[in-house]
Amino acid sequence: MFRLTLILALAAGSCGCSGAASNTNALASELQTALTVGDFTAATKLADLDGAPAETHFHYLSTVLDCSTQSTCTVATAPLDAAFREEWQAGAKTLGTEAPAVEGLIVVTMQSKDGSGSGAMTIPYARIGGSYKLAALHLGATEAAARSAKSDADLLSAMLASGIYDNATGARRTDWATAATRLPADGGEPGKALVQATAAMAAAVDAHDPDAAMRSGSQWAKIVFADKSYDGKPVALEVRKRKLQVQALRMLRDVKVSGGYQMGNDAVLSIQARNGIGWVERGALLISREGDAWDASSAGAQTVSYPAGTMP
């Protein structure tokens, strides 16, 4: 189950949606149209999304993109159930916020056009500002301040203490703080590689250039933004540009490194950056070396994220 919390506007066609639904059927109908034509701007207007994390921007826009390119999507309303209520409240607790009083659910059913798979996304709705909108969980002020108060050193220590996966043994090593090599203030070779790769990707995003994104130094980027799909079929340039805009929501930019540790082909770096929605993102990031190149697309991280200007 997916809980909607945030999206960033991105123009891609127009559905003529008002973004102010007077009833739940109108909300479902306008969302159906926005998904079918891939109108991110219209989809944004249908949701109360300010103040929620970047990862939700990404998930929601990914669905809008998928529904307008690879899947046939059907929107319907559904009643609230106990399981969703419990998950909704748990999510609000995690973000340190008060959960909006939702009235029901919007269910988006997705079926791949090539028949390869199917799925569903469940989004709550509520009456907000005089109209029905997709409800969102916003990051609470107290939780934002608590995240801001975490030091870079504490975040790095927490990641090392949780253990770093060792390819040779298949286990997590928790002795990095003593066994790994301490890196200089700029992160040494892996730190410089991370800064260079993220700067190159940020430039590609700003230029709306998926070809430049592929050259940014990440094997992941070469696959995601490729001009051909896995079966060799061409991918339209416009679709690749939209993929880049969606992925950019959770990418790091303006990265600064303040040390870290290295053990063999792995490095854990202490970083300060901002993500695609402008929030601060700080903490520890794991990157790995493949051959002679450091790949900055590793998924290992111990970071916190909060709006810029948040004070502890």
C-alpha atoms as a PDB file:
ATOM      1  CA  MET A   1       0.000   0.000   0.000  1.00  0.00           C
ATOM      2  CA  PHE A   2       1.267   3.465  -0.902  1.00  0.00           C
ATOM      3  CA  ARG A   3       0.492   6.596   1.110  1.00  0.00           C
ATOM      4  CA  LEU A   4       0.582   9.837  -0.840  1.00  0.00           C
ATOM      5  CA  THR A   5       2.594  12.591   0.824  1.00  0.00           C
ATOM      6  CA  LEU A   6       4.194  14.843  -1.774  1.00  0.00           C
ATOM      7  CA  ILE A   7       4.616  15.714  -5.465  1.00  0.00           C
ATOM      8  CA  LEU A   8       6.346  18.405  -7.493  1.00  0.00           C
ATOM      9  CA  ALA A   9       4.624  20.044 -10.455  1.00  0.00           C
ATOM     10  CA  LEU A  10       5.905  19.136 -13.898  1.00  0.00           C
ATOM     11  CA  ALA A  11       4.047  20.203 -17.031  1.00  0.00           C
ATOM     12  CA  ALA A  12       3.360  17.434 -19.530  1.00  0.00           C
ATOM     13  CA  GLY A  13       0.286  18.095 -21.610  1.00  0.00           C
ATOM     14  CA  SER A  14      -2.986  19.438 -20.281  1.00  0.00           C
ATOM     15  CA  CYS A  15      -6.183  17.837 -19.115  1.00  0.00           C
ATOM     16  CA  GLY A  16      -8.098  21.025 -18.288  1.00  0.00           C
ATOM     17  CA  CYS A  17      -8.611  19.864 -14.686  1.00  0.00           C
ATOM     18  CA  SER A  18      -9.624  22.503 -12.161  1.00  0.00           C
ATOM     19  CA  GLY A  19      -7.820  20.990  -9.159  1.00  0.00           C
ATOM     20  CA  ALA A  20     -10.837  21.826  -6.972  1.00  0.00           C
ATOM     21  CA  ALA A  21     -13.151  18.812  -6.771  1.00  0.00           C
ATOM     22  CA  SER A  22     -16.572  19.496  -5.274  1.00  0.00           C
ATOM     23  CA  ASN A  23     -17.227  15.816  -4.537  1.00  0.00           C
ATOM     24  CA  THR A  24     -15.382  12.511  -4.445  1.00  0.00           C
ATOM     25  CA  ASN A  25     -16.603  11.400  -7.864  1.00  0.00           C
ATOM     26  CA  ALA A  26     -15.236  14.604  -9.384  1.00  0.00           C
ATOM     27  CA  LEU A  27     -11.906  14.027  -7.629  1.00  0.00           C
ATOM     28  CA  ALA A  28     -11.662  10.503  -9.026  1.00  0.00           C
ATOM     29  CA  SER A  29     -12.671  11.665 -12.499  1.00  0.00           C
ATOM     30  CA  GLU A  30     -10.140  14.498 -12.624  1.00  0.00           C
ATOM     31  CA  LEU A  31      -7.369  12.229 -11.353  1.00  0.00           C
ATOM     32  CA  GLN A  32      -8.288   9.650 -13.999  1.00  0.00           C
ATOM     33  CA  THR A  33      -7.889  12.248 -16.728  1.00  0.00           C
ATOM     34  CA  ALA A  34      -4.626  13.599 -15.321  1.00  0.00           C
ATOM     35  CA  LEU A  35      -3.123  10.098 -15.139  1.00  0.00           C
ATOM     36  CA  THR A  36      -4.279   9.114 -18.619  1.00  0.00           C
ATOM     37  CA  VAL A  37      -2.726  12.132 -20.341  1.00  0.00           C
ATOM     38  CA  GLY A  38       0.249  12.385 -17.981  1.00  0.00           C
ATOM     39  CA  ASP A  39      -0.543  15.889 -16.744  1.00  0.00           C
ATOM     40  CA  PHE A  40       1.652  16.289 -13.666  1.00  0.00           C
ATOM     41  CA  THR A  41       0.543  19.863 -13.058  1.00  0.00           C
ATOM     42  CA  ALA A  42      -3.117  18.841 -12.898  1.00  0.00           C
ATOM     43  CA  ALA A  43      -2.312  15.857 -10.685  1.00  0.00           C
ATOM     44  CA  THR A  44      -0.456  18.168  -8.297  1.00  0.00           C
ATOM     45  CA  LYS A  45      -3.450  20.488  -7.947  1.00  0.00           C
ATOM     46  CA  LEU A  46      -5.591  17.561  -6.857  1.00  0.00           C
ATOM     47  CA  ALA A  47      -3.465  16.881  -3.761  1.00  0.00           C
ATOM     48  CA  ASP A  48      -2.561  18.658  -0.510  1.00  0.00           C
ATOM     49  CA  LEU A  49       1.169  18.027  -0.700  1.00  0.00           C
ATOM     50  CA  ASP A  50       3.175  20.877   0.821  1.00  0.00           C
ATOM     51  CA  GLY A  51       5.556  19.851   3.574  1.00  0.00           C
ATOM     52  CA  ALA A  52       5.998  16.176   2.758  1.00  0.00           C
ATOM     53  CA  PRO A  53       9.229  14.253   1.919  1.00  0.00           C
ATOM     54  CA  ALA A  54      10.925  13.959  -1.461  1.00  0.00           C
ATOM     55  CA  GLU A  55      10.426  10.203  -1.683  1.00  0.00           C
ATOM     56  CA  THR A  56       6.687  10.725  -2.016  1.00  0.00           C
ATOM     57  CA  HIS A  57       7.191  13.298  -4.761  1.00  0.00           C
ATOM     58  CA  PHE A  58       9.009  10.558  -6.591  1.00  0.00           C
ATOM     59  CA  HIS A  59       6.471   7.767  -6.023  1.00  0.00           C
ATOM     60  CA  TYR A  60       3.472   9.851  -7.054  1.00  0.00           C
ATOM     61  CA  LEU A  61       5.040  11.293 -10.195  1.00  0.00           C
ATOM     62  CA  SER A  62       6.355   7.851 -11.099  1.00  0.00           C
ATOM     63  CA  THR A  63       2.773   6.613 -11.089  1.00  0.00           C
ATOM     64  CA  VAL A  64       1.607   9.536 -13.229  1.00  0.00           C
ATOM     65  CA  LEU A  65       4.395   8.815 -15.707  1.00  0.00           C
ATOM     66  CA  ASP A  66       3.722   5.080 -15.726  1.00  0.00           C
ATOM     67  CA  CYS A  67      -0.023   5.542 -16.253  1.00  0.00           C
ATOM     68  CA  SER A  68       0.581   7.757 -19.299  1.00  0.00           C
ATOM     69  CA  THR A  69       3.257   5.586 -20.910  1.00  0.00           C
ATOM     70  CA  GLN A  70       3.449   1.945 -19.855  1.00  0.00           C
ATOM     71  CA  SER A  71       0.223   1.086 -18.022  1.00  0.00           C
ATOM     72  CA  THR A  72      -3.515   1.403 -18.285  1.00  0.00           C
ATOM     73  CA  CYS A  73      -4.750   2.909 -15.027  1.00  0.00           C
ATOM     74  CA  THR A  74      -8.246   2.941 -13.577  1.00  0.00           C
ATOM     75  CA  VAL A  75      -9.292   5.220 -10.724  1.00  0.00           C
ATOM     76  CA  ALA A  76     -12.066   4.316  -8.284  1.00  0.00           C
ATOM     77  CA  THR A  77     -13.207   5.282  -4.796  1.00  0.00           C
ATOM     78  CA  ALA A  78     -13.257   2.905  -1.834  1.00  0.00           C
ATOM     79  CA  PRO A  79     -14.236   3.095   1.850  1.00  0.00           C
ATOM     80  CA  LEU A  80     -11.689   3.388   4.614  1.00  0.00           C
ATOM     81  CA  ASP A  81     -10.720   0.147   6.299  1.00  0.00           C
ATOM     82  CA  ALA A  82      -9.166  -0.591   9.681  1.00  0.00           C
ATOM     83  CA  ALA A  83      -5.816  -1.652   8.218  1.00  0.00           C
ATOM     84  CA  PHE A  84      -5.416   1.630   6.352  1.00  0.00           C
ATOM     85  CA  ARG A  85      -6.441   3.699   9.361  1.00  0.00           C
ATOM     86  CA  GLU A  86      -3.773   1.965  11.431  1.00  0.00           C
ATOM     87  CA  GLU A  87      -1.079   2.479   8.794  1.00  0.00           C
ATOM     88  CA  TRP A  88      -2.120   6.101   8.287  1.00  0.00           C
ATOM     89  CA  GLN A  89      -1.789   6.839  11.983  1.00  0.00           C
ATOM     90  CA  ALA A  90       1.557   5.017  12.171  1.00  0.00           C
ATOM     91  CA  GLY A  91       2.879   7.084   9.269  1.00  0.00           C
ATOM     92  CA  ALA A  92       1.779  10.296  10.959  1.00  0.00           C
ATOM     93  CA  LYS A  93       3.551   9.256  14.151  1.00  0.00           C
ATOM     94  CA  THR A  94       6.782   8.619  12.234  1.00  0.00           C
ATOM     95  CA  LEU A  95       6.644  12.114  10.720  1.00  0.00           C
ATOM     96  CA  GLY A  96       5.658  13.703  14.023  1.00  0.00           C
ATOM     97  CA  THR A  97       2.463  15.161  12.631  1.00  0.00           C
ATOM     98  CA  GLU A  98      -1.301  15.057  13.098  1.00  0.00           C
ATOM     99  CA  ALA A  99      -2.915  12.777  10.525  1.00  0.00           C
ATOM    100  CA  PRO A 100      -5.556  14.569   8.425  1.00  0.00           C
ATOM    101  CA  ALA A 101      -9.106  13.376   9.017  1.00  0.00           C
ATOM    102  CA  VAL A 102      -9.579  11.370   5.830  1.00  0.00           C
ATOM    103  CA  GLU A 103     -13.013  10.320   4.591  1.00  0.00           C
ATOM    104  CA  GLY A 104     -12.239   7.588   2.090  1.00  0.00           C
ATOM    105  CA  LEU A 105      -9.771   6.147  -0.386  1.00  0.00           C
ATOM    106  CA  ILE A 106      -8.873   6.568  -4.034  1.00  0.00           C
ATOM    107  CA  VAL A 107      -7.578   3.337  -5.552  1.00  0.00           C
ATOM    108  CA  VAL A 108      -5.510   3.485  -8.742  1.00  0.00           C
ATOM    109  CA  THR A 109      -5.353   0.055 -10.411  1.00  0.00           C
ATOM    110  CA  MET A 110      -2.494  -0.368 -12.893  1.00  0.00           C
ATOM    111  CA  GLN A 111      -2.177  -2.946 -15.646  1.00  0.00           C
ATOM    112  CA  SER A 112       0.953  -3.012 -17.829  1.00  0.00           C
ATOM    113  CA  LYS A 113       0.117  -2.498 -21.485  1.00  0.00           C
ATOM    114  CA  ASP A 114       2.352  -5.420 -22.440  1.00  0.00           C
ATOM    115  CA  GLY A 115       0.626  -7.680 -19.921  1.00  0.00           C
ATOM    116  CA  SER A 116       3.762  -8.148 -17.829  1.00  0.00           C
ATOM    117  CA  GLY A 117       2.307  -7.079 -14.503  1.00  0.00           C
ATOM    118  CA  SER A 118      -0.260  -5.210 -12.455  1.00  0.00           C
ATOM    119  CA  GLY A 119      -0.540  -3.318  -9.202  1.00  0.00           C
ATOM    120  CA  ALA A 120      -2.504  -0.783  -7.211  1.00  0.00           C
ATOM    121  CA  MET A 121      -1.881   2.462  -5.324  1.00  0.00           C
ATOM    122  CA  THR A 122      -4.165   3.514  -2.465  1.00  0.00           C
ATOM    123  CA  ILE A 123      -4.452   7.223  -1.611  1.00  0.00           C
ATOM    124  CA  PRO A 124      -6.685   8.752   1.072  1.00  0.00           C
ATOM    125  CA  TYR A 125      -8.805  11.825   0.411  1.00  0.00           C
ATOM    126  CA  ALA A 126     -10.206  14.536   2.651  1.00  0.00           C
ATOM    127  CA  ARG A 127     -12.123  17.782   2.420  1.00  0.00           C
ATOM    128  CA  ILE A 128      -9.425  20.477   2.498  1.00  0.00           C
ATOM    129  CA  GLY A 129      -9.961  24.199   1.961  1.00  0.00           C
ATOM    130  CA  GLY A 130     -13.524  23.754   0.756  1.00  0.00           C
ATOM    131  CA  SER A 131     -12.869  21.015  -1.813  1.00  0.00           C
ATOM    132  CA  TYR A 132     -11.934  17.348  -1.919  1.00  0.00           C
ATOM    133  CA  LYS A 133      -8.234  16.603  -2.343  1.00  0.00           C
ATOM    134  CA  LEU A 134      -5.850  13.714  -2.003  1.00  0.00           C
ATOM    135  CA  ALA A 135      -4.638  13.861   1.589  1.00  0.00           C
ATOM    136  CA  ALA A 136      -0.988  14.011   2.589  1.00  0.00           C
ATOM    137  CA  LEU A 137       1.158  13.456   5.658  1.00  0.00           C
ATOM    138  CA  HIS A 138       3.369  16.482   6.279  1.00  0.00           C
ATOM    139  CA  LEU A 139       6.595  16.511   8.273  1.00  0.00           C
ATOM    140  CA  GLY A 140       5.846  17.906  11.737  1.00  0.00           C
ATOM    141  CA  ALA A 141       7.788  20.877  13.110  1.00  0.00           C
ATOM    142  CA  THR A 142       9.042  18.987  16.170  1.00  0.00           C
ATOM    143  CA  GLU A 143      10.264  16.054  14.073  1.00  0.00           C
ATOM    144  CA  ALA A 144      11.910  18.422  11.586  1.00  0.00           C
ATOM    145  CA  ALA A 145      13.758  20.138  14.451  1.00  0.00           C
ATOM    146  CA  ALA A 146      14.809  16.778  15.890  1.00  0.00           C
ATOM    147  CA  ARG A 147      16.250  15.735  12.537  1.00  0.00           C
ATOM    148  CA  SER A 148      18.052  19.042  12.190  1.00  0.00           C
ATOM    149  CA  ALA A 149      19.584  18.581  15.648  1.00  0.00           C
ATOM    150  CA  LYS A 150      21.266  15.283  14.733  1.00  0.00           C
ATOM    151  CA  SER A 151      24.986  15.864  14.190  1.00  0.00           C
ATOM    152  CA  ASP A 152      26.870  14.601  11.141  1.00  0.00           C
ATOM    153  CA  ALA A 153      29.154  12.633  13.451  1.00  0.00           C
ATOM    154  CA  ASP A 154      26.235  10.893  15.132  1.00  0.00           C
ATOM    155  CA  LEU A 155      24.677   9.945  11.798  1.00  0.00           C
ATOM    156  CA  LEU A 156      27.984   8.536  10.556  1.00  0.00           C
ATOM    157  CA  SER A 157      28.505   6.605  13.790  1.00  0.00           C
ATOM    158  CA  ALA A 158      24.977   5.184  13.594  1.00  0.00           C
ATOM    159  CA  MET A 159      25.577   3.825  10.108  1.00  0.00           C
ATOM    160  CA  LEU A 160      28.901   2.253  11.057  1.00  0.00           C
ATOM    161  CA  ALA A 161      27.364   0.723  14.177  1.00  0.00           C
ATOM    162  CA  SER A 162      24.528  -0.848  12.155  1.00  0.00           C
ATOM    163  CA  GLY A 163      27.117  -2.659  10.051  1.00  0.00           C
ATOM    164  CA  ILE A 164      28.328  -2.446   6.450  1.00  0.00           C
ATOM    165  CA  TYR A 165      27.668  -5.421   4.191  1.00  0.00           C
ATOM    166  CA  ASP A 166      30.833  -7.360   3.307  1.00  0.00           C
ATOM    167  CA  ASN A 167      30.671  -8.996  -0.135  1.00  0.00           C
ATOM    168  CA  ALA A 168      33.411 -11.470   0.773  1.00  0.00           C
ATOM    169  CA  THR A 169      31.669 -12.925   3.824  1.00  0.00           C
ATOM    170  CA  GLY A 170      28.030 -12.057   3.156  1.00  0.00           C
ATOM    171  CA  ALA A 171      27.786 -10.597   6.661  1.00  0.00           C
ATOM    172  CA  ARG A 172      27.638  -7.090   8.112  1.00  0.00           C
ATOM    173  CA  ARG A 173      30.864  -5.734   9.574  1.00  0.00           C
ATOM    174  CA  THR A 174      30.362  -3.517  12.601  1.00  0.00           C
ATOM    175  CA  ASP A 175      34.066  -2.760  13.146  1.00  0.00           C
ATOM    176  CA  TRP A 176      34.500  -0.097  10.460  1.00  0.00           C
ATOM    177  CA  ALA A 177      35.240   2.643  13.000  1.00  0.00           C
ATOM    178  CA  THR A 178      38.418   0.812  13.987  1.00  0.00           C
ATOM    179  CA  ALA A 179      39.226  -1.443  11.016  1.00  0.00           C
ATOM    180  CA  ALA A 180      38.550   0.881   8.065  1.00  0.00           C
ATOM    181  CA  THR A 181      40.881   3.632   6.833  1.00  0.00           C
ATOM    182  CA  ARG A 182      39.897   7.131   7.944  1.00  0.00           C
ATOM    183  CA  LEU A 183      39.466   9.434   4.942  1.00  0.00           C
ATOM    184  CA  PRO A 184      40.588  13.091   4.793  1.00  0.00           C
ATOM    185  CA  ALA A 185      38.164  15.990   5.185  1.00  0.00           C
ATOM    186  CA  ASP A 186      37.203  15.973   1.481  1.00  0.00           C
ATOM    187  CA  GLY A 187      36.591  12.216   1.476  1.00  0.00           C
ATOM    188  CA  GLY A 188      39.654  11.492  -0.615  1.00  0.00           C
ATOM    189  CA  GLU A 189      39.184   9.718  -3.946  1.00  0.00           C
ATOM    190  CA  PRO A 190      35.655   8.414  -3.221  1.00  0.00           C
ATOM    191  CA  GLY A 191      34.561  11.795  -1.871  1.00  0.00           C
ATOM    192  CA  LYS A 192      35.781  13.631  -4.954  1.00  0.00           C
ATOM    193  CA  ALA A 193      34.083  11.043  -7.178  1.00  0.00           C
ATOM    194  CA  LEU A 194      30.758  11.548  -5.376  1.00  0.00           C
ATOM    195  CA  VAL A 195      30.921  15.340  -5.687  1.00  0.00           C
ATOM    196  CA  GLN A 196      31.836  15.127  -9.371  1.00  0.00           C
ATOM    197  CA  ALA A 197      29.117  12.604 -10.219  1.00  0.00           C
ATOM    198  CA  THR A 198      26.328  14.419  -8.377  1.00  0.00           C
ATOM    199  CA  ALA A 199      27.353  17.755  -9.900  1.00  0.00           C
ATOM    200  CA  ALA A 200      27.307  16.221 -13.380  1.00  0.00           C
ATOM    201  CA  MET A 201      23.864  14.738 -12.747  1.00  0.00           C
ATOM    202  CA  ALA A 202      22.532  18.039 -11.400  1.00  0.00           C
ATOM    203  CA  ALA A 203      23.743  19.792 -14.552  1.00  0.00           C
ATOM    204  CA  ALA A 204      22.009  17.156 -16.680  1.00  0.00           C
ATOM    205  CA  VAL A 205      18.763  17.631 -14.738  1.00  0.00           C
ATOM    206  CA  ASP A 206      18.913  21.417 -15.145  1.00  0.00           C
ATOM    207  CA  ALA A 207      19.549  21.012 -18.871  1.00  0.00           C
ATOM    208  CA  HIS A 208      16.763  18.387 -19.249  1.00  0.00           C
ATOM    209  CA  ASP A 209      19.383  16.197 -20.911  1.00  0.00           C
ATOM    210  CA  PRO A 210      19.027  12.421 -20.342  1.00  0.00           C
ATOM    211  CA  ASP A 211      22.100  11.748 -22.496  1.00  0.00           C
ATOM    212  CA  ALA A 212      24.215  13.862 -20.140  1.00  0.00           C
ATOM    213  CA  ALA A 213      22.625  12.034 -17.203  1.00  0.00           C
ATOM    214  CA  MET A 214      23.828   8.742 -18.679  1.00  0.00           C
ATOM    215  CA  ARG A 215      27.367  10.141 -18.799  1.00  0.00           C
ATOM    216  CA  SER A 216      27.311  11.293 -15.164  1.00  0.00           C
ATOM    217  CA  GLY A 217      29.288   8.276 -13.941  1.00  0.00           C
ATOM    218  CA  SER A 218      26.615   5.910 -12.655  1.00  0.00           C
ATOM    219  CA  GLN A 219      25.789   2.488 -14.048  1.00  0.00           C
ATOM    220  CA  TRP A 220      22.275   3.007 -12.701  1.00  0.00           C
ATOM    221  CA  ALA A 221      21.866   6.176 -14.773  1.00  0.00           C
ATOM    222  CA  LYS A 222      23.027   4.416 -17.925  1.00  0.00           C
ATOM    223  CA  ILE A 223      20.212   1.906 -17.488  1.00  0.00           C
ATOM    224  CA  VAL A 224      17.399   4.201 -16.291  1.00  0.00           C
ATOM    225  CA  PHE A 225      17.858   6.950 -18.904  1.00  0.00           C
ATOM    226  CA  ALA A 226      18.886   4.737 -21.835  1.00  0.00           C
ATOM    227  CA  ASP A 227      17.479   5.466 -25.292  1.00  0.00           C
ATOM    228  CA  LYS A 228      16.505   1.803 -25.664  1.00  0.00           C
ATOM    229  CA  SER A 229      14.495  -0.427 -23.341  1.00  0.00           C
ATOM    230  CA  TYR A 230      15.706  -3.809 -22.039  1.00  0.00           C
ATOM    231  CA  ASP A 231      14.239  -5.503 -25.139  1.00  0.00           C
ATOM    232  CA  GLY A 232      15.984  -3.128 -27.560  1.00  0.00           C
ATOM    233  CA  LYS A 233      12.986  -0.942 -28.390  1.00  0.00           C
ATOM    234  CA  PRO A 234      13.652   2.823 -28.698  1.00  0.00           C
ATOM    235  CA  VAL A 235      12.547   5.074 -25.839  1.00  0.00           C
ATOM    236  CA  ALA A 236      11.212   8.462 -26.918  1.00  0.00           C
ATOM    237  CA  LEU A 237      13.334  11.449 -25.887  1.00  0.00           C
ATOM    238  CA  GLU A 238      10.358  13.123 -24.198  1.00  0.00           C
ATOM    239  CA  VAL A 239       9.748  10.048 -22.048  1.00  0.00           C
ATOM    240  CA  ARG A 240      13.434   9.969 -21.061  1.00  0.00           C
ATOM    241  CA  LYS A 241      13.264  13.663 -20.112  1.00  0.00           C
ATOM    242  CA  ARG A 242      10.237  13.016 -17.935  1.00  0.00           C
ATOM    243  CA  LYS A 243      12.010  10.079 -16.286  1.00  0.00           C
ATOM    244  CA  LEU A 244      14.901  12.399 -15.480  1.00  0.00           C
ATOM    245  CA  GLN A 245      12.576  14.983 -13.917  1.00  0.00           C
ATOM    246  CA  VAL A 246      10.886  12.329 -11.785  1.00  0.00           C
ATOM    247  CA  GLN A 247      14.124  10.730 -10.608  1.00  0.00           C
ATOM    248  CA  ALA A 248      15.600  14.166  -9.880  1.00  0.00           C
ATOM    249  CA  LEU A 249      13.146  14.638  -7.022  1.00  0.00           C
ATOM    250  CA  ARG A 250      15.148  12.284  -4.814  1.00  0.00           C
ATOM    251  CA  MET A 251      18.619  12.993  -6.179  1.00  0.00           C
ATOM    252  CA  LEU A 252      21.308  14.735  -4.153  1.00  0.00           C
ATOM    253  CA  ARG A 253      22.847  17.961  -5.376  1.00  0.00           C
ATOM    254  CA  ASP A 254      25.224  20.602  -3.996  1.00  0.00           C
ATOM    255  CA  VAL A 255      26.969  17.755  -2.185  1.00  0.00           C
ATOM    256  CA  LYS A 256      29.711  18.521   0.322  1.00  0.00           C
ATOM    257  CA  VAL A 257      31.802  15.771   1.919  1.00  0.00           C
ATOM    258  CA  SER A 258      33.287  16.057   5.392  1.00  0.00           C
ATOM    259  CA  GLY A 259      35.285  12.881   5.766  1.00  0.00           C
ATOM    260  CA  GLY A 260      34.437   9.226   6.127  1.00  0.00           C
ATOM    261  CA  TYR A 261      35.942   5.739   6.049  1.00  0.00           C
ATOM    262  CA  GLN A 262      37.121   3.330   3.358  1.00  0.00           C
ATOM    263  CA  MET A 263      37.555  -0.419   3.396  1.00  0.00           C
ATOM    264  CA  GLY A 264      38.591  -2.006   0.117  1.00  0.00           C
ATOM    265  CA  ASN A 265      36.143  -1.073  -2.621  1.00  0.00           C
ATOM    266  CA  ASP A 266      33.593   0.451  -0.257  1.00  0.00           C
ATOM    267  CA  ALA A 267      33.516   3.897   1.330  1.00  0.00           C
ATOM    268  CA  VAL A 268      31.146   5.487   3.827  1.00  0.00           C
ATOM    269  CA  LEU A 269      31.118   9.266   3.434  1.00  0.00           C
ATOM    270  CA  SER A 270      29.744  11.967   5.713  1.00  0.00           C
ATOM    271  CA  ILE A 271      27.751  14.273   3.431  1.00  0.00           C
ATOM    272  CA  GLN A 272      25.712  17.455   3.466  1.00  0.00           C
ATOM    273  CA  ALA A 273      23.476  18.155   0.465  1.00  0.00           C
ATOM    274  CA  ARG A 274      19.993  19.046  -0.663  1.00  0.00           C
ATOM    275  CA  ASN A 275      17.543  16.891  -2.564  1.00  0.00           C
ATOM    276  CA  GLY A 276      15.364  17.606  -5.571  1.00  0.00           C
ATOM    277  CA  ILE A 277      12.637  19.405  -3.605  1.00  0.00           C
ATOM    278  CA  GLY A 278      15.146  21.673  -1.897  1.00  0.00           C
ATOM    279  CA  TRP A 279      15.199  19.990   1.502  1.00  0.00           C
ATOM    280  CA  VAL A 280      18.438  19.535   3.403  1.00  0.00           C
ATOM    281  CA  GLU A 281      19.749  15.970   3.347  1.00  0.00           C
ATOM    282  CA  ARG A 282      22.609  15.031   5.676  1.00  0.00           C
ATOM    283  CA  GLY A 283      24.239  11.918   7.023  1.00  0.00           C
ATOM    284  CA  ALA A 284      26.289   8.960   5.858  1.00  0.00           C
ATOM    285  CA  LEU A 285      26.318   7.507   2.350  1.00  0.00           C
ATOM    286  CA  LEU A 286      27.838   4.238   1.152  1.00  0.00           C
ATOM    287  CA  ILE A 287      29.411   4.172  -2.316  1.00  0.00           C
ATOM    288  CA  SER A 288      31.325   1.372  -4.034  1.00  0.00           C
ATOM    289  CA  ARG A 289      34.117   1.102  -6.565  1.00  0.00           C
ATOM    290  CA  GLU A 290      33.534  -0.941  -9.711  1.00  0.00           C
ATOM    291  CA  GLY A 291      36.831  -1.430 -11.515  1.00  0.00           C
ATOM    292  CA  ASP A 292      38.535   1.965 -11.588  1.00  0.00           C
ATOM    293  CA  ALA A 293      35.384   4.036 -11.037  1.00  0.00           C
ATOM    294  CA  TRP A 294      33.422   4.908  -7.907  1.00  0.00           C
ATOM    295  CA  ASP A 295      29.679   4.496  -8.437  1.00  0.00           C
ATOM    296  CA  ALA A 296      27.695   7.111  -6.546  1.00  0.00           C
ATOM    297  CA  SER A 297      24.313   5.393  -6.987  1.00  0.00           C
ATOM    298  CA  SER A 298      24.649   3.054  -4.009  1.00  0.00           C
ATOM    299  CA  ALA A 299      21.469   2.620  -1.995  1.00  0.00           C
ATOM    300  CA  GLY A 300      23.184   2.409   1.385  1.00  0.00           C
ATOM    301  CA  ALA A 301      22.566   5.501   3.508  1.00  0.00           C
ATOM    302  CA  GLN A 302      21.877   6.794   7.015  1.00  0.00           C
ATOM    303  CA  THR A 303      20.525  10.274   6.373  1.00  0.00           C
ATOM    304  CA  VAL A 304      17.980  12.760   7.654  1.00  0.00           C
ATOM    305  CA  SER A 305      15.976  15.165   5.534  1.00  0.00           C
ATOM    306  CA  TYR A 306      14.074  18.315   6.493  1.00  0.00           C
ATOM    307  CA  PRO A 307      13.116  21.685   4.980  1.00  0.00           C
ATOM    308  CA  ALA A 308      15.913  24.227   4.650  1.00  0.00           C
ATOM    309  CA  GLY A 309      15.854  26.771   7.451  1.00  0.00           C
ATOM    310  CA  THR A 310      14.660  24.294  10.075  1.00  0.00           C
ATOM    311  CA  MET A 311      16.193  25.103  13.463  1.00  0.00           C
ATOM    312  CA  PRO A 312      16.853  22.528  16.212  1.00  0.00           C
END
